């Protein structure tokens, strides 16, 4: 059985519509993925900025300018004067014990 002209046109039309639908679906998926990627990149930039801020705050909290007053007020410690500092000699290389 041979297809007539109008059947060929209908078959080509169905093939064209199917191909068009596949291309449209792929483009929609690509646009959705690009949007998600942009959102993820924005979140990452936000988190990296927050991390940098937290690291800066940690460095500040670990600094001598912050720790010395805290040790003095909370623990009653003080900075030693020169006469309170005792330097202990380390082991010498000629002592034989390694």
N, C-alpha and C. Protein backbone atom coordinates (compact mmCIF):
# COMPACT_ATOMS: atom_id res chain seq x y z
N UNK A 1 0.84 -1.17 0.00
CA UNK A 1 0.00 0.00 0.00
C UNK A 1 0.89 1.24 0.00
N UNK A 2 0.64 2.10 -0.91
CA UNK A 2 1.42 3.33 -1.05
C UNK A 2 0.68 4.49 -0.40
N UNK A 3 1.50 5.39 0.20
CA UNK A 3 0.90 6.56 0.82
C UNK A 3 0.62 7.62 -0.23
N UNK A 4 -0.51 8.26 -0.07
CA UNK A 4 -0.87 9.33 -0.99
C UNK A 4 -0.21 10.62 -0.52
N UNK A 5 -0.30 11.64 -1.31
CA UNK A 5 0.35 12.92 -1.03
C UNK A 5 -0.05 13.52 0.30
N UNK A 6 -1.34 13.49 0.60
CA UNK A 6 -1.78 14.11 1.86
C UNK A 6 -1.28 13.31 3.06
N UNK A 7 -1.08 11.99 2.92
CA UNK A 7 -0.54 11.20 4.01
C UNK A 7 0.93 11.55 4.26
N UNK A 8 1.67 11.77 3.18
CA UNK A 8 3.06 12.20 3.32
C UNK A 8 3.14 13.54 4.04
N UNK A 9 2.27 14.44 3.66
CA UNK A 9 2.25 15.76 4.30
C UNK A 9 1.93 15.61 5.79
N UNK A 10 0.96 14.76 6.11
CA UNK A 10 0.59 14.55 7.51
C UNK A 10 1.77 13.92 8.27
N UNK A 11 2.46 12.95 7.66
CA UNK A 11 3.60 12.30 8.31
C UNK A 11 4.72 13.31 8.55
N UNK A 12 5.02 14.13 7.55
CA UNK A 12 6.05 15.16 7.71
C UNK A 12 5.64 16.19 8.76
N UNK A 13 4.38 16.52 8.80
CA UNK A 13 3.89 17.47 9.80
C UNK A 13 4.04 16.90 11.21
N UNK A 14 3.70 15.63 11.40
CA UNK A 14 3.86 14.99 12.71
C UNK A 14 5.34 14.93 13.08
N UNK A 15 6.20 14.58 12.13
CA UNK A 15 7.64 14.52 12.40
C UNK A 15 8.16 15.91 12.76
N UNK A 16 7.72 16.93 12.05
CA UNK A 16 8.15 18.30 12.34
C UNK A 16 7.69 18.73 13.74
N UNK A 17 6.42 18.44 14.05
CA UNK A 17 5.90 18.82 15.37
C UNK A 17 6.63 18.08 16.49
N UNK A 18 6.91 16.80 16.29
CA UNK A 18 7.63 16.03 17.31
C UNK A 18 9.04 16.60 17.51
N UNK A 19 9.72 16.90 16.42
CA UNK A 19 11.06 17.48 16.50
C UNK A 19 11.01 18.84 17.19
N UNK A 20 10.03 19.65 16.81
CA UNK A 20 9.88 20.97 17.44
C UNK A 20 9.62 20.84 18.93
N UNK A 21 8.79 19.87 19.33
CA UNK A 21 8.49 19.67 20.75
C UNK A 21 9.74 19.25 21.51
N UNK A 22 10.57 18.37 20.91
CA UNK A 22 11.81 17.93 21.56
C UNK A 22 12.76 19.11 21.74
N UNK A 23 12.91 19.93 20.70
CA UNK A 23 13.79 21.10 20.79
C UNK A 23 13.28 22.06 21.85
N UNK A 24 11.98 22.30 21.88
CA UNK A 24 11.38 23.19 22.87
C UNK A 24 11.61 22.66 24.29
N UNK A 25 11.42 21.36 24.49
CA UNK A 25 11.62 20.76 25.82
C UNK A 25 13.07 20.89 26.26
N UNK A 26 14.00 20.68 25.34
CA UNK A 26 15.43 20.80 25.69
C UNK A 26 15.80 22.25 26.01
N UNK A 27 15.26 23.19 25.25
CA UNK A 27 15.53 24.60 25.51
C UNK A 27 14.96 25.02 26.86
N UNK A 28 13.77 24.55 27.18
CA UNK A 28 13.15 24.87 28.47
C UNK A 28 14.00 24.31 29.61
N UNK A 29 14.45 23.08 29.46
CA UNK A 29 15.30 22.46 30.48
C UNK A 29 16.62 23.22 30.62
N UNK A 30 17.19 23.67 29.51
CA UNK A 30 18.45 24.41 29.55
C UNK A 30 18.26 25.76 30.24
N UNK A 31 17.17 26.42 29.97
CA UNK A 31 16.90 27.71 30.62
C UNK A 31 16.71 27.50 32.12
N UNK A 32 15.99 26.46 32.49
CA UNK A 32 15.78 26.16 33.91
C UNK A 32 17.12 25.85 34.60
N UNK A 33 17.96 25.08 33.94
CA UNK A 33 19.27 24.74 34.52
C UNK A 33 20.15 25.98 34.64
N UNK A 34 20.10 26.86 33.65
CA UNK A 34 20.89 28.10 33.71
C UNK A 34 20.42 28.98 34.86
N UNK A 35 19.12 29.04 35.08
CA UNK A 35 18.57 29.81 36.20
C UNK A 35 19.04 29.24 37.54
N UNK A 36 18.96 27.91 37.67
CA UNK A 36 19.41 27.26 38.90
C UNK A 36 20.90 27.49 39.13
N UNK A 37 21.68 27.42 38.06
CA UNK A 37 23.12 27.65 38.18
C UNK A 37 23.40 29.07 38.64
N UNK A 38 22.68 30.04 38.11
CA UNK A 38 22.87 31.43 38.53
C UNK A 38 22.51 31.60 40.01
N UNK A 39 21.44 30.94 40.45
CA UNK A 39 21.05 31.02 41.86
C UNK A 39 22.12 30.38 42.75
N UNK A 40 22.65 29.24 42.33
CA UNK A 40 23.68 28.56 43.11
C UNK A 40 24.95 29.41 43.18
N UNK A 41 25.31 30.04 42.07
CA UNK A 41 26.50 30.91 42.07
C UNK A 41 26.29 32.10 43.00
N UNK A 42 25.10 32.66 43.00
CA UNK A 42 24.81 33.79 43.90
C UNK A 42 24.89 33.33 45.36
N UNK A 43 24.34 32.15 45.65
CA UNK A 43 24.42 31.62 47.02
C UNK A 43 25.86 31.38 47.44
N UNK A 44 26.65 30.85 46.50
CA UNK A 44 28.06 30.59 46.80
C UNK A 44 28.80 31.89 47.10
N UNK A 45 28.56 32.91 46.28
CA UNK A 45 29.22 34.20 46.52
C UNK A 45 28.80 34.76 47.88
N UNK A 46 27.53 34.62 48.22
CA UNK A 46 27.05 35.08 49.51
C UNK A 46 27.73 34.32 50.64
N UNK A 47 27.82 32.99 50.51
CA UNK A 47 28.45 32.18 51.54
C UNK A 47 29.95 32.47 51.66
N UNK A 48 30.62 32.72 50.53
CA UNK A 48 32.04 33.05 50.58
C UNK A 48 32.25 34.38 51.28
N UNK A 49 31.38 35.33 51.04
CA UNK A 49 31.46 36.61 51.74
C UNK A 49 31.24 36.45 53.22
N UNK A 50 30.26 35.62 53.57
CA UNK A 50 29.99 35.35 54.99
C UNK A 50 31.18 34.65 55.65
N UNK A 51 31.77 33.71 54.92
CA UNK A 51 32.94 33.00 55.46
C UNK A 51 34.10 33.96 55.70
N UNK A 52 34.34 34.86 54.74
CA UNK A 52 35.41 35.84 54.91
C UNK A 52 35.14 36.72 56.12
N UNK A 53 33.89 37.11 56.33
CA UNK A 53 33.54 37.92 57.49
C UNK A 53 33.78 37.15 58.78
N UNK A 54 33.38 35.87 58.81
CA UNK A 54 33.59 35.06 60.01
C UNK A 54 35.08 34.86 60.29
N UNK A 55 35.87 34.62 59.24
CA UNK A 55 37.31 34.46 59.44
C UNK A 55 37.93 35.74 59.97
N UNK A 56 37.46 36.89 59.48
CA UNK A 56 37.96 38.17 59.97
C UNK A 56 37.60 38.35 61.45
N UNK A 57 36.37 37.97 61.80
CA UNK A 57 35.94 38.08 63.20
C UNK A 57 36.73 37.13 64.11
N UNK A 58 37.06 35.94 63.60
CA UNK A 58 37.87 34.99 64.38
C UNK A 58 39.26 35.55 64.60
N UNK A 59 39.88 36.08 63.53
CA UNK A 59 41.22 36.67 63.69
C UNK A 59 41.19 37.81 64.69
N UNK A 60 40.15 38.62 64.64
CA UNK A 60 40.01 39.74 65.59
C UNK A 60 39.86 39.20 67.02
N UNK A 61 39.03 38.18 67.20
CA UNK A 61 38.81 37.62 68.54
C UNK A 61 40.07 36.96 69.09
N UNK A 62 40.93 36.46 68.21
CA UNK A 62 42.18 35.81 68.64
C UNK A 62 43.31 36.80 68.87
N UNK A 63 43.08 38.05 68.55
CA UNK A 63 44.16 39.03 68.63
C UNK A 63 44.49 39.37 70.08
N UNK A 64 45.68 39.84 70.26
CA UNK A 64 46.16 40.23 71.59
C UNK A 64 45.34 41.38 72.16
N UNK A 65 44.90 42.28 71.29
CA UNK A 65 44.12 43.44 71.73
C UNK A 65 42.81 43.01 72.38
N UNK A 66 42.28 41.86 72.01
CA UNK A 66 41.03 41.38 72.59
C UNK A 66 41.30 40.42 73.74
N UNK A 67 42.27 39.52 73.57
CA UNK A 67 42.51 38.48 74.58
C UNK A 67 43.12 39.02 75.88
N UNK A 68 44.01 39.98 75.81
CA UNK A 68 44.65 40.49 77.02
C UNK A 68 43.63 41.13 77.96
N UNK A 69 42.78 42.04 77.47
CA UNK A 69 41.78 42.60 78.40
C UNK A 69 40.83 41.54 78.95
N UNK A 70 40.47 40.56 78.16
CA UNK A 70 39.59 39.49 78.66
C UNK A 70 40.29 38.68 79.75
N UNK A 71 41.55 38.35 79.55
CA UNK A 71 42.30 37.57 80.55
C UNK A 71 42.47 38.38 81.83
N UNK A 72 42.66 39.67 81.68
CA UNK A 72 42.83 40.52 82.86
C UNK A 72 41.52 40.65 83.64
N UNK A 73 40.42 40.87 82.94
CA UNK A 73 39.15 41.11 83.65
C UNK A 73 38.50 39.82 84.14
N UNK A 74 38.47 38.79 83.33
CA UNK A 74 37.76 37.57 83.70
C UNK A 74 38.58 36.61 84.55
N UNK A 75 39.88 36.53 84.26
CA UNK A 75 40.71 35.53 84.93
C UNK A 75 41.66 36.14 85.96
N UNK A 76 41.71 37.45 86.02
CA UNK A 76 42.60 38.10 86.97
C UNK A 76 44.07 37.97 86.61
N UNK A 77 44.37 37.71 85.35
CA UNK A 77 45.76 37.58 84.91
C UNK A 77 46.33 38.96 84.59
N UNK A 78 47.65 39.04 84.53
CA UNK A 78 48.29 40.30 84.14
C UNK A 78 49.47 39.99 83.23
N UNK A 79 49.89 41.00 82.49
CA UNK A 79 51.07 40.84 81.65
C UNK A 79 52.28 40.81 82.56
N UNK A 80 53.20 39.89 82.37
CA UNK A 80 54.37 39.80 83.25
C UNK A 80 55.33 40.97 83.01
N UNK A 81 55.94 41.40 84.09
CA UNK A 81 56.99 42.42 83.95
C UNK A 81 58.27 41.70 83.53
N UNK A 82 59.27 42.48 83.20
CA UNK A 82 60.53 41.88 82.74
C UNK A 82 61.16 40.99 83.81
N UNK A 83 61.01 41.35 85.07
CA UNK A 83 61.62 40.56 86.14
C UNK A 83 60.88 39.24 86.36
N UNK A 84 59.65 39.11 85.85
CA UNK A 84 58.88 37.88 86.03
C UNK A 84 59.12 36.87 84.91
N UNK A 85 59.83 37.27 83.90
CA UNK A 85 60.07 36.39 82.76
C UNK A 85 61.38 35.64 82.98
N UNK A 86 61.32 34.33 82.92
CA UNK A 86 62.51 33.49 83.10
C UNK A 86 62.68 32.69 81.81
N UNK A 87 63.84 32.80 81.23
CA UNK A 87 64.14 32.06 80.01
C UNK A 87 64.83 30.76 80.40
N UNK A 88 64.27 29.65 80.00
CA UNK A 88 64.85 28.34 80.29
C UNK A 88 65.64 27.88 79.08
N UNK A 89 66.86 27.45 79.27
CA UNK A 89 67.64 26.97 78.11
C UNK A 89 67.08 25.65 77.61
N UNK A 90 67.09 25.50 76.34
CA UNK A 90 66.63 24.27 75.73
C UNK A 90 67.75 23.27 75.73
N UNK A 91 67.48 22.04 75.35
CA UNK A 91 68.52 21.02 75.30
C UNK A 91 69.56 21.39 74.24
N UNK A 92 70.81 21.17 74.56
CA UNK A 92 71.89 21.47 73.61
C UNK A 92 72.15 20.24 72.75
N UNK A 93 72.71 20.46 71.61
CA UNK A 93 72.96 19.35 70.69
C UNK A 93 74.11 18.48 71.17
N UNK A 94 74.98 18.94 72.07
CA UNK A 94 76.11 18.16 72.56
C UNK A 94 75.77 17.29 73.76
N UNK A 95 74.55 17.28 74.24
CA UNK A 95 74.21 16.53 75.45
C UNK A 95 74.10 15.04 75.19
N UNK A 96 73.96 14.63 73.97
CA UNK A 96 73.92 13.21 73.65
C UNK A 96 72.53 12.61 73.70
N UNK A 97 71.57 13.25 74.27
CA UNK A 97 70.21 12.68 74.31
C UNK A 97 69.35 13.31 73.22
N UNK A 98 68.79 12.51 72.37
CA UNK A 98 67.97 13.01 71.26
C UNK A 98 66.60 12.48 71.39
